[in-house]
Amino acid sequence: MKKTKSILKRIRQNERHRSRNRSNVSQYKTAVKKLEVVIEQKDAAAAKGMLPGVVGTLDKAVSKTILSKKSASRKKSSLMRRINALG
């Protein structure tokens, strides 16, 4: 395949975008996992304290098109239901 300037530029851009996307995906997944650990420990106060940060992380992922709006909404809803069940 011929490597024109535009192809080389796209390769560079794709690598840059890939590293940013991986970082953002890792960030929101880590936040969700930490909250799930707290929920498993049945610590309602700590879970309610962490929830706004996790919701913000999910919203940031949506704004960067890392996660779809519906997917983030589903995750937030599921986490909130589990926290409310703790009491």
Protein backbone atom coordinates (compact mmCIF):
# COMPACT_ATOMS: atom_id res chain seq x y z
CA MET A 1 0.00 0.00 0.00
CA LYS A 2 1.27 3.43 -0.91
CA LYS A 3 2.02 5.65 2.07
CA THR A 4 0.98 9.14 1.14
CA LYS A 5 1.24 12.08 3.51
CA SER A 6 -2.45 11.85 4.37
CA ILE A 7 -2.19 8.15 5.21
CA LEU A 8 0.80 8.78 7.47
CA LYS A 9 -1.10 11.60 9.17
CA ARG A 10 -4.14 9.35 9.75
CA ILE A 11 -1.86 6.70 11.27
CA ARG A 12 -0.43 9.27 13.69
CA GLN A 13 -3.89 10.56 14.57
CA ASN A 14 -5.27 7.07 15.12
CA GLU A 15 -2.45 6.23 17.52
CA ARG A 16 -3.00 9.45 19.45
CA HIS A 17 -6.77 8.94 19.65
CA ARG A 18 -6.35 5.30 20.64
CA SER A 19 -4.13 6.18 23.60
CA ARG A 20 -6.54 8.90 24.77
CA ASN A 21 -9.55 6.63 24.43
CA ARG A 22 -7.83 3.82 26.35
CA SER A 23 -6.98 6.24 29.14
CA ASN A 24 -10.56 7.50 29.39
CA VAL A 25 -12.06 4.01 29.24
CA SER A 26 -9.70 2.88 31.98
CA GLN A 27 -10.62 5.89 34.10
CA TYR A 28 -14.38 5.30 34.03
CA LYS A 29 -14.09 1.52 34.44
CA THR A 30 -11.82 1.94 37.46
CA ALA A 31 -14.25 4.40 39.06
CA VAL A 32 -17.18 2.03 38.55
CA LYS A 33 -15.22 -0.94 39.92
CA LYS A 34 -14.21 0.98 43.06
CA LEU A 35 -17.84 1.91 43.69
CA GLU A 36 -18.94 -1.69 43.15
CA VAL A 37 -16.40 -2.85 45.76
CA VAL A 38 -17.86 -0.39 48.27
CA ILE A 39 -21.39 -1.57 47.42
CA GLU A 40 -20.32 -5.21 47.94
CA GLN A 41 -19.03 -4.23 51.41
CA LYS A 42 -22.51 -2.81 52.11
CA ASP A 43 -21.14 0.60 53.12
CA ALA A 44 -24.07 2.84 52.16
CA ALA A 45 -22.55 6.10 53.39
CA ALA A 46 -19.30 5.64 51.49
CA ALA A 47 -21.16 4.50 48.36
CA LYS A 48 -23.42 7.57 48.42
CA GLY A 49 -20.34 9.76 48.85
CA MET A 50 -18.58 8.18 45.86
CA LEU A 51 -21.61 8.19 43.56
CA PRO A 52 -21.40 11.82 42.33
CA GLY A 53 -17.78 11.33 41.29
CA VAL A 54 -18.59 8.15 39.37
CA VAL A 55 -21.58 9.78 37.68
CA GLY A 56 -19.34 12.68 36.65
CA THR A 57 -16.78 10.27 35.24
CA LEU A 58 -19.47 8.48 33.21
CA ASP A 59 -20.82 11.81 31.93
CA LYS A 60 -17.31 12.85 30.91
CA ALA A 61 -16.94 9.57 28.98
CA VAL A 62 -20.23 10.34 27.19
CA SER A 63 -19.09 13.85 26.27
CA LYS A 64 -15.90 12.39 24.78
CA THR A 65 -17.95 9.77 22.89
CA ILE A 66 -16.17 6.94 24.70
CA LEU A 67 -19.49 5.64 25.98
CA SER A 68 -22.96 6.02 24.49
CA LYS A 69 -25.54 8.11 26.33
CA LYS A 70 -27.87 5.16 26.88
CA SER A 71 -25.08 2.92 28.08
CA ALA A 72 -23.97 5.47 30.67
CA SER A 73 -27.56 6.03 31.75
CA ARG A 74 -28.02 2.29 32.23
CA LYS A 75 -24.84 2.04 34.33
CA LYS A 76 -25.82 5.02 36.49
CA SER A 77 -29.33 3.66 37.03
CA SER A 78 -28.04 0.23 37.99
CA LEU A 79 -25.53 1.66 40.47
CA MET A 80 -28.13 3.97 42.03
CA ARG A 81 -30.60 1.10 42.43
CA ARG A 82 -27.96 -1.00 44.18
CA ILE A 83 -27.02 1.88 46.50
CA ASN A 84 -30.64 2.64 47.36
CA ALA A 85 -31.18 -1.04 48.19
CA LEU A 86 -28.46 -0.74 50.84
CA GLY A 87 -30.61 1.72 52.73
